[in-house]
Amino acid sequence: MRISVIIGFILGFGIILSVIFFRQDPSLYLNWPALAITFGGTISAVIIYFSPQALKNAGKAFIAIFKDKHYSEIRHIDAILDISKQSRKASFKSLIENESIKEIPFLEKGLNLVADGEDISHIEEVLSRDSRSITEKNIIAERVFRIAGSFAPMFGMMGTVIGLIAMLHHVKDPAAIPAAMGLALVTTLYGLILAALVFKPLSGKIRDKNNTDTRIREIIIAGIISIKREENSYKIKEKLMGYLH
């Protein structure tokens, strides 16, 4: 997850900056008032639009893109099958102490419920509720970045209008026109970059990660229930492989 995001940012900004530095004077594209209008305006609008909890969810989702370890569905299925086999020889409490289990908190919670002797309906209810809650929070986080991506070009256009007004006001002073036009055009550029290369892609990445993580939690829930029912490993594998696309 994080590697693709980093590569995308480096490639995207690298292309833009290479065009600026090798073809033009970089100072033409550096305008702090334009950046303040575009970025500051976008952030302000997002703060007004969303609740503090939604913004907190967005922050956590953003950090998770770079911080969370990515394990494939196959890796989770293999882990569940190993647990199914080992549970016949060792207690669930001892299995939970395994470092590979602790790296997957949702799986660890499910195993704790099994170890505590909870019935199947209760385990399924608790895990399904937690999974829905996590999914809903990430949907809100994705929406924060998506809306930010729609605000950025608006503030870019706002900066353009401000720059054009300043240009027309100084139309009798030709020396003042280039600076006003710089503000007018650079804000539009900043707005497009923020929308097309930052907010919209991050929104899509959060949505993609959320879909994958939700499917993985469904696999874990099905695996935990199968283990609780003491189904054989072959049957569990056949059931869990059905979740793969």
C-alpha atoms as a PDB file:
ATOM      1  CA  MET A   1       0.000   0.000   0.000  1.00  0.00           C
ATOM      2  CA  ARG A   2       2.453   2.634   1.159  1.00  0.00           C
ATOM      3  CA  ILE A   3       5.033   1.777  -1.521  1.00  0.00           C
ATOM      4  CA  SER A   4       2.543   2.450  -4.320  1.00  0.00           C
ATOM      5  CA  VAL A   5       1.515   5.749  -2.713  1.00  0.00           C
ATOM      6  CA  ILE A   6       5.125   6.899  -2.295  1.00  0.00           C
ATOM      7  CA  ILE A   7       6.037   5.867  -5.844  1.00  0.00           C
ATOM      8  CA  GLY A   8       2.954   7.647  -7.172  1.00  0.00           C
ATOM      9  CA  PHE A   9       3.775  10.875  -5.330  1.00  0.00           C
ATOM     10  CA  ILE A  10       7.426  10.792  -6.404  1.00  0.00           C
ATOM     11  CA  LEU A  11       6.522  10.063 -10.019  1.00  0.00           C
ATOM     12  CA  GLY A  12       3.713  12.636 -10.186  1.00  0.00           C
ATOM     13  CA  PHE A  13       5.511  15.509  -8.517  1.00  0.00           C
ATOM     14  CA  GLY A  14       8.743  14.521 -10.238  1.00  0.00           C
ATOM     15  CA  ILE A  15       7.190  14.916 -13.684  1.00  0.00           C
ATOM     16  CA  ILE A  16       5.637  18.267 -12.800  1.00  0.00           C
ATOM     17  CA  LEU A  17       8.794  19.634 -11.189  1.00  0.00           C
ATOM     18  CA  SER A  18      11.011  18.394 -14.014  1.00  0.00           C
ATOM     19  CA  VAL A  19       8.901  20.288 -16.541  1.00  0.00           C
ATOM     20  CA  ILE A  20       9.039  23.417 -14.374  1.00  0.00           C
ATOM     21  CA  PHE A  21      12.771  23.300 -13.657  1.00  0.00           C
ATOM     22  CA  PHE A  22      13.966  22.272 -17.087  1.00  0.00           C
ATOM     23  CA  ARG A  23      11.611  24.280 -19.241  1.00  0.00           C
ATOM     24  CA  GLN A  24      10.756  27.359 -17.214  1.00  0.00           C
ATOM     25  CA  ASP A  25      11.939  29.679 -14.455  1.00  0.00           C
ATOM     26  CA  PRO A  26      10.885  27.924 -11.181  1.00  0.00           C
ATOM     27  CA  SER A  27      10.231  31.290  -9.489  1.00  0.00           C
ATOM     28  CA  LEU A  28       7.272  31.786 -11.828  1.00  0.00           C
ATOM     29  CA  TYR A  29       5.466  28.917 -10.102  1.00  0.00           C
ATOM     30  CA  LEU A  30       6.274  29.809  -6.483  1.00  0.00           C
ATOM     31  CA  ASN A  31       3.585  32.038  -5.040  1.00  0.00           C
ATOM     32  CA  TRP A  32       2.895  31.865  -1.307  1.00  0.00           C
ATOM     33  CA  PRO A  33      -0.350  33.894  -1.408  1.00  0.00           C
ATOM     34  CA  ALA A  34      -1.637  31.528  -4.105  1.00  0.00           C
ATOM     35  CA  LEU A  35      -0.724  28.494  -1.971  1.00  0.00           C
ATOM     36  CA  ALA A  36      -2.378  30.055   1.077  1.00  0.00           C
ATOM     37  CA  ILE A  37      -5.600  30.669  -0.839  1.00  0.00           C
ATOM     38  CA  THR A  38      -5.731  27.202  -2.376  1.00  0.00           C
ATOM     39  CA  PHE A  39      -4.446  24.919   0.360  1.00  0.00           C
ATOM     40  CA  GLY A  40      -5.572  27.032   3.310  1.00  0.00           C
ATOM     41  CA  GLY A  41      -9.001  27.589   1.802  1.00  0.00           C
ATOM     42  CA  THR A  42      -9.463  23.896   1.071  1.00  0.00           C
ATOM     43  CA  ILE A  43      -8.505  22.840   4.596  1.00  0.00           C
ATOM     44  CA  SER A  44     -10.752  25.514   6.092  1.00  0.00           C
ATOM     45  CA  ALA A  45     -13.715  24.381   4.000  1.00  0.00           C
ATOM     46  CA  VAL A  46     -13.150  20.749   4.980  1.00  0.00           C
ATOM     47  CA  ILE A  47     -13.041  21.713   8.670  1.00  0.00           C
ATOM     48  CA  ILE A  48     -16.367  23.532   8.267  1.00  0.00           C
ATOM     49  CA  TYR A  49     -17.911  20.702   6.219  1.00  0.00           C
ATOM     50  CA  PHE A  50     -17.059  17.758   8.483  1.00  0.00           C
ATOM     51  CA  SER A  51     -17.323  16.993  12.185  1.00  0.00           C
ATOM     52  CA  PRO A  52     -14.184  16.694  14.355  1.00  0.00           C
ATOM     53  CA  GLN A  53     -14.740  12.922  14.534  1.00  0.00           C
ATOM     54  CA  ALA A  54     -14.834  12.660  10.736  1.00  0.00           C
ATOM     55  CA  LEU A  55     -11.583  14.617  10.483  1.00  0.00           C
ATOM     56  CA  LYS A  56     -10.051  12.345  13.122  1.00  0.00           C
ATOM     57  CA  ASN A  57     -11.103   9.296  11.080  1.00  0.00           C
ATOM     58  CA  ALA A  58      -9.517  10.865   7.998  1.00  0.00           C
ATOM     59  CA  GLY A  59      -6.262  11.455   9.853  1.00  0.00           C
ATOM     60  CA  LYS A  60      -6.149   7.869  11.104  1.00  0.00           C
ATOM     61  CA  ALA A  61      -6.929   6.492   7.648  1.00  0.00           C
ATOM     62  CA  PHE A  62      -4.169   8.619   6.122  1.00  0.00           C
ATOM     63  CA  ILE A  63      -1.623   7.376   8.673  1.00  0.00           C
ATOM     64  CA  ALA A  64      -2.805   3.789   8.197  1.00  0.00           C
ATOM     65  CA  ILE A  65      -1.916   3.942   4.487  1.00  0.00           C
ATOM     66  CA  PHE A  66       1.756   4.365   5.420  1.00  0.00           C
ATOM     67  CA  LYS A  67       1.866   2.609   8.801  1.00  0.00           C
ATOM     68  CA  ASP A  68      -0.268  -0.535   8.519  1.00  0.00           C
ATOM     69  CA  LYS A  69       1.447  -3.705   7.405  1.00  0.00           C
ATOM     70  CA  HIS A  70      -0.225  -5.173   4.357  1.00  0.00           C
ATOM     71  CA  TYR A  71      -1.036  -8.855   4.500  1.00  0.00           C
ATOM     72  CA  SER A  72      -2.778 -10.499   1.556  1.00  0.00           C
ATOM     73  CA  GLU A  73      -5.969 -12.502   1.828  1.00  0.00           C
ATOM     74  CA  ILE A  74      -3.938 -15.663   1.202  1.00  0.00           C
ATOM     75  CA  ARG A  75      -1.664 -14.823   4.152  1.00  0.00           C
ATOM     76  CA  HIS A  76      -4.696 -14.532   6.433  1.00  0.00           C
ATOM     77  CA  ILE A  77      -6.199 -17.773   5.133  1.00  0.00           C
ATOM     78  CA  ASP A  78      -2.905 -19.586   5.762  1.00  0.00           C
ATOM     79  CA  ALA A  79      -2.762 -18.131   9.288  1.00  0.00           C
ATOM     80  CA  ILE A  80      -6.296 -19.329  10.040  1.00  0.00           C
ATOM     81  CA  LEU A  81      -5.526 -22.807   8.694  1.00  0.00           C
ATOM     82  CA  ASP A  82      -2.406 -22.991  10.870  1.00  0.00           C
ATOM     83  CA  ILE A  83      -4.475 -21.986  13.898  1.00  0.00           C
ATOM     84  CA  SER A  84      -7.072 -24.625  13.033  1.00  0.00           C
ATOM     85  CA  LYS A  85      -4.386 -27.322  12.955  1.00  0.00           C
ATOM     86  CA  GLN A  86      -2.552 -26.122  16.068  1.00  0.00           C
ATOM     87  CA  SER A  87      -5.744 -25.708  18.101  1.00  0.00           C
ATOM     88  CA  ARG A  88      -6.086 -29.492  18.186  1.00  0.00           C
ATOM     89  CA  LYS A  89      -2.751 -29.747  19.993  1.00  0.00           C
ATOM     90  CA  ALA A  90      -2.552 -26.522  22.039  1.00  0.00           C
ATOM     91  CA  SER A  91      -4.904 -24.160  23.861  1.00  0.00           C
ATOM     92  CA  PHE A  92      -6.184 -20.985  22.223  1.00  0.00           C
ATOM     93  CA  LYS A  93      -4.596 -18.904  24.980  1.00  0.00           C
ATOM     94  CA  SER A  94      -1.153 -20.173  24.041  1.00  0.00           C
ATOM     95  CA  LEU A  95      -1.823 -19.617  20.331  1.00  0.00           C
ATOM     96  CA  ILE A  96      -2.774 -15.996  20.951  1.00  0.00           C
ATOM     97  CA  GLU A  97       0.664 -15.336  22.427  1.00  0.00           C
ATOM     98  CA  ASN A  98       2.168 -16.008  18.993  1.00  0.00           C
ATOM     99  CA  GLU A  99       3.657 -12.814  17.537  1.00  0.00           C
ATOM    100  CA  SER A 100       2.164 -13.472  14.090  1.00  0.00           C
ATOM    101  CA  ILE A 101      -1.310 -13.448  15.679  1.00  0.00           C
ATOM    102  CA  LYS A 102      -0.691 -10.252  17.621  1.00  0.00           C
ATOM    103  CA  GLU A 103       0.176  -8.501  14.356  1.00  0.00           C
ATOM    104  CA  ILE A 104      -3.461  -8.982  13.285  1.00  0.00           C
ATOM    105  CA  PRO A 105      -5.581  -7.403  16.086  1.00  0.00           C
ATOM    106  CA  PHE A 106      -8.937  -8.423  14.594  1.00  0.00           C
ATOM    107  CA  LEU A 107      -7.866 -12.065  14.429  1.00  0.00           C
ATOM    108  CA  GLU A 108      -6.470 -11.843  17.961  1.00  0.00           C
ATOM    109  CA  LYS A 109      -9.788 -10.493  19.244  1.00  0.00           C
ATOM    110  CA  GLY A 110     -11.687 -13.328  17.570  1.00  0.00           C
ATOM    111  CA  LEU A 111      -9.410 -15.936  19.075  1.00  0.00           C
ATOM    112  CA  ASN A 112      -9.790 -14.352  22.502  1.00  0.00           C
ATOM    113  CA  LEU A 113     -13.554 -14.718  22.196  1.00  0.00           C
ATOM    114  CA  VAL A 114     -13.146 -18.380  21.283  1.00  0.00           C
ATOM    115  CA  ALA A 115     -10.685 -18.899  24.165  1.00  0.00           C
ATOM    116  CA  ASP A 116     -13.168 -17.313  26.574  1.00  0.00           C
ATOM    117  CA  GLY A 117     -15.749 -19.920  25.585  1.00  0.00           C
ATOM    118  CA  GLU A 118     -18.230 -17.515  23.969  1.00  0.00           C
ATOM    119  CA  ASP A 119     -20.941 -19.101  21.837  1.00  0.00           C
ATOM    120  CA  ILE A 120     -20.883 -18.830  18.048  1.00  0.00           C
ATOM    121  CA  SER A 121     -23.730 -16.316  17.750  1.00  0.00           C
ATOM    122  CA  HIS A 122     -22.062 -13.943  20.215  1.00  0.00           C
ATOM    123  CA  ILE A 123     -18.666 -14.208  18.498  1.00  0.00           C
ATOM    124  CA  GLU A 124     -20.220 -13.533  15.100  1.00  0.00           C
ATOM    125  CA  GLU A 125     -22.255 -10.603  16.438  1.00  0.00           C
ATOM    126  CA  VAL A 126     -19.265  -8.921  18.133  1.00  0.00           C
ATOM    127  CA  LEU A 127     -16.870  -9.362  15.211  1.00  0.00           C
ATOM    128  CA  SER A 128     -19.443  -8.340  12.582  1.00  0.00           C
ATOM    129  CA  ARG A 129     -20.335  -5.232  14.566  1.00  0.00           C
ATOM    130  CA  ASP A 130     -16.685  -4.244  14.934  1.00  0.00           C
ATOM    131  CA  SER A 131     -16.047  -4.857  11.248  1.00  0.00           C
ATOM    132  CA  ARG A 132     -19.002  -2.685  10.204  1.00  0.00           C
ATOM    133  CA  SER A 133     -17.825   0.076  12.522  1.00  0.00           C
ATOM    134  CA  ILE A 134     -14.309   0.066  11.035  1.00  0.00           C
ATOM    135  CA  THR A 135     -15.688   0.012   7.488  1.00  0.00           C
ATOM    136  CA  GLU A 136     -18.044   2.928   8.161  1.00  0.00           C
ATOM    137  CA  LYS A 137     -15.258   5.025   9.689  1.00  0.00           C
ATOM    138  CA  ASN A 138     -13.080   4.473   6.643  1.00  0.00           C
ATOM    139  CA  ILE A 139     -15.963   5.337   4.308  1.00  0.00           C
ATOM    140  CA  ILE A 140     -16.228   8.677   6.125  1.00  0.00           C
ATOM    141  CA  ALA A 141     -12.447   9.147   5.878  1.00  0.00           C
ATOM    142  CA  GLU A 142     -12.549   8.457   2.138  1.00  0.00           C
ATOM    143  CA  ARG A 143     -15.326  11.030   1.774  1.00  0.00           C
ATOM    144  CA  VAL A 144     -13.263  13.691   3.572  1.00  0.00           C
ATOM    145  CA  PHE A 145     -10.461  13.413   1.016  1.00  0.00           C
ATOM    146  CA  ARG A 146     -12.909  13.150  -1.889  1.00  0.00           C
ATOM    147  CA  ILE A 147     -14.684  16.343  -0.848  1.00  0.00           C
ATOM    148  CA  ALA A 148     -11.335  18.066  -0.296  1.00  0.00           C
ATOM    149  CA  GLY A 149     -10.490  17.117  -3.876  1.00  0.00           C
ATOM    150  CA  SER A 150     -13.615  18.883  -5.094  1.00  0.00           C
ATOM    151  CA  PHE A 151     -12.911  22.003  -2.999  1.00  0.00           C
ATOM    152  CA  ALA A 152      -9.304  22.493  -4.151  1.00  0.00           C
ATOM    153  CA  PRO A 153     -10.109  23.515  -7.766  1.00  0.00           C
ATOM    154  CA  MET A 154     -12.800  25.887  -6.455  1.00  0.00           C
ATOM    155  CA  PHE A 155     -10.282  27.756  -4.340  1.00  0.00           C
ATOM    156  CA  GLY A 156      -7.894  27.663  -7.269  1.00  0.00           C
ATOM    157  CA  MET A 157     -10.529  29.462  -9.336  1.00  0.00           C
ATOM    158  CA  MET A 158     -11.143  31.845  -6.442  1.00  0.00           C
ATOM    159  CA  GLY A 159      -7.463  32.784  -6.486  1.00  0.00           C
ATOM    160  CA  THR A 160      -7.710  33.272 -10.237  1.00  0.00           C
ATOM    161  CA  VAL A 161     -10.611  35.678  -9.794  1.00  0.00           C
ATOM    162  CA  ILE A 162      -8.733  37.571  -7.070  1.00  0.00           C
ATOM    163  CA  GLY A 163      -5.698  37.843  -9.330  1.00  0.00           C
ATOM    164  CA  LEU A 164      -7.758  39.048 -12.280  1.00  0.00           C
ATOM    165  CA  ILE A 165      -9.464  41.694 -10.145  1.00  0.00           C
ATOM    166  CA  ALA A 166      -6.031  42.909  -9.002  1.00  0.00           C
ATOM    167  CA  MET A 167      -4.818  42.910 -12.600  1.00  0.00           C
ATOM    168  CA  LEU A 168      -7.770  44.959 -13.833  1.00  0.00           C
ATOM    169  CA  HIS A 169      -7.349  47.358 -10.919  1.00  0.00           C
ATOM    170  CA  HIS A 170      -3.743  47.999 -11.969  1.00  0.00           C
ATOM    171  CA  VAL A 171      -4.409  47.979 -15.686  1.00  0.00           C
ATOM    172  CA  LYS A 172      -3.002  51.528 -15.935  1.00  0.00           C
ATOM    173  CA  ASP A 173       0.237  50.281 -14.325  1.00  0.00           C
ATOM    174  CA  PRO A 174       1.723  47.737 -16.751  1.00  0.00           C
ATOM    175  CA  ALA A 175       4.448  46.776 -14.265  1.00  0.00           C
ATOM    176  CA  ALA A 176       1.832  45.429 -11.819  1.00  0.00           C
ATOM    177  CA  ILE A 177       0.046  43.231 -14.364  1.00  0.00           C
ATOM    178  CA  PRO A 178       2.542  40.267 -14.437  1.00  0.00           C
ATOM    179  CA  ALA A 179       2.411  39.779 -10.648  1.00  0.00           C
ATOM    180  CA  ALA A 180      -1.388  39.852 -10.650  1.00  0.00           C
ATOM    181  CA  MET A 181      -1.542  37.400 -13.555  1.00  0.00           C
ATOM    182  CA  GLY A 182       0.925  35.152 -11.739  1.00  0.00           C
ATOM    183  CA  LEU A 183      -1.417  34.918  -8.757  1.00  0.00           C
ATOM    184  CA  ALA A 184      -4.375  34.426 -11.070  1.00  0.00           C
ATOM    185  CA  LEU A 185      -2.915  31.465 -12.945  1.00  0.00           C
ATOM    186  CA  VAL A 186      -0.771  29.805 -10.275  1.00  0.00           C
ATOM    187  CA  THR A 187      -3.719  29.358  -7.899  1.00  0.00           C
ATOM    188  CA  THR A 188      -5.557  27.396 -10.573  1.00  0.00           C
ATOM    189  CA  LEU A 189      -2.466  25.225 -11.049  1.00  0.00           C
ATOM    190  CA  TYR A 190      -2.165  24.623  -7.300  1.00  0.00           C
ATOM    191  CA  GLY A 191      -5.837  23.694  -7.075  1.00  0.00           C
ATOM    192  CA  LEU A 192      -5.540  21.175  -9.906  1.00  0.00           C
ATOM    193  CA  ILE A 193      -2.400  19.608  -8.431  1.00  0.00           C
ATOM    194  CA  LEU A 194      -3.967  19.249  -4.978  1.00  0.00           C
ATOM    195  CA  ALA A 195      -7.125  17.710  -6.427  1.00  0.00           C
ATOM    196  CA  ALA A 196      -5.593  15.460  -9.093  1.00  0.00           C
ATOM    197  CA  LEU A 197      -2.399  14.353  -7.365  1.00  0.00           C
ATOM    198  CA  VAL A 198      -3.145  14.523  -3.625  1.00  0.00           C
ATOM    199  CA  PHE A 199      -6.747  14.499  -2.384  1.00  0.00           C
ATOM    200  CA  LYS A 200      -8.500  12.432  -5.078  1.00  0.00           C
ATOM    201  CA  PRO A 201      -5.793   9.714  -5.243  1.00  0.00           C
ATOM    202  CA  LEU A 202      -5.685   9.460  -1.435  1.00  0.00           C
ATOM    203  CA  SER A 203      -9.461   9.127  -1.421  1.00  0.00           C
ATOM    204  CA  GLY A 204      -9.232   6.270  -3.897  1.00  0.00           C
ATOM    205  CA  LYS A 205      -6.417   4.607  -1.950  1.00  0.00           C
ATOM    206  CA  ILE A 206      -8.406   4.728   1.289  1.00  0.00           C
ATOM    207  CA  ARG A 207     -11.458   3.277  -0.503  1.00  0.00           C
ATOM    208  CA  ASP A 208      -9.379   0.491  -2.057  1.00  0.00           C
ATOM    209  CA  LYS A 209      -7.702  -0.335   1.270  1.00  0.00           C
ATOM    210  CA  ASN A 210     -11.063  -0.279   3.040  1.00  0.00           C
ATOM    211  CA  ASN A 211     -12.579  -2.735   0.549  1.00  0.00           C
ATOM    212  CA  THR A 212      -9.612  -5.091   0.926  1.00  0.00           C
ATOM    213  CA  ASP A 213      -9.557  -4.836   4.726  1.00  0.00           C
ATOM    214  CA  THR A 214     -13.322  -5.426   4.932  1.00  0.00           C
ATOM    215  CA  ARG A 215     -12.975  -8.592   2.840  1.00  0.00           C
ATOM    216  CA  ILE A 216     -10.109  -9.765   5.048  1.00  0.00           C
ATOM    217  CA  ARG A 217     -12.220  -9.247   8.176  1.00  0.00           C
ATOM    218  CA  GLU A 218     -15.000 -11.292   6.549  1.00  0.00           C
ATOM    219  CA  ILE A 219     -12.463 -14.072   5.949  1.00  0.00           C
ATOM    220  CA  ILE A 220     -11.340 -13.882   9.583  1.00  0.00           C
ATOM    221  CA  ILE A 221     -14.908 -14.007  10.893  1.00  0.00           C
ATOM    222  CA  ALA A 222     -15.729 -17.041   8.737  1.00  0.00           C
ATOM    223  CA  GLY A 223     -12.462 -18.693   9.798  1.00  0.00           C
ATOM    224  CA  ILE A 224     -13.043 -18.058  13.509  1.00  0.00           C
ATOM    225  CA  ILE A 225     -16.579 -19.477  13.309  1.00  0.00           C
ATOM    226  CA  SER A 226     -15.288 -22.561  11.475  1.00  0.00           C
ATOM    227  CA  ILE A 227     -12.583 -23.088  14.086  1.00  0.00           C
ATOM    228  CA  LYS A 228     -15.164 -22.731  16.852  1.00  0.00           C
ATOM    229  CA  ARG A 229     -17.252 -25.394  15.129  1.00  0.00           C
ATOM    230  CA  GLU A 230     -14.124 -27.586  14.938  1.00  0.00           C
ATOM    231  CA  GLU A 231     -14.424 -28.051  11.186  1.00  0.00           C
ATOM    232  CA  ASN A 232     -11.544 -29.800   9.432  1.00  0.00           C
ATOM    233  CA  SER A 233      -8.845 -27.740   7.749  1.00  0.00           C
ATOM    234  CA  TYR A 234      -9.797 -28.814   4.215  1.00  0.00           C
ATOM    235  CA  LYS A 235     -13.380 -27.624   4.668  1.00  0.00           C
ATOM    236  CA  ILE A 236     -12.201 -24.343   6.195  1.00  0.00           C
ATOM    237  CA  LYS A 237      -9.810 -23.706   3.310  1.00  0.00           C
ATOM    238  CA  GLU A 238     -12.505 -24.442   0.736  1.00  0.00           C
ATOM    239  CA  LYS A 239     -14.873 -22.019   2.462  1.00  0.00           C
ATOM    240  CA  LEU A 240     -12.350 -19.194   2.856  1.00  0.00           C
ATOM    241  CA  MET A 241     -11.008 -19.450  -0.691  1.00  0.00           C
ATOM    242  CA  GLY A 242     -14.507 -18.547  -1.840  1.00  0.00           C
ATOM    243  CA  TYR A 243     -13.925 -14.991  -0.566  1.00  0.00           C
ATOM    244  CA  LEU A 244     -11.103 -14.395  -3.038  1.00  0.00           C
ATOM    245  CA  HIS A 245     -11.869 -12.486  -6.235  1.00  0.00           C
END
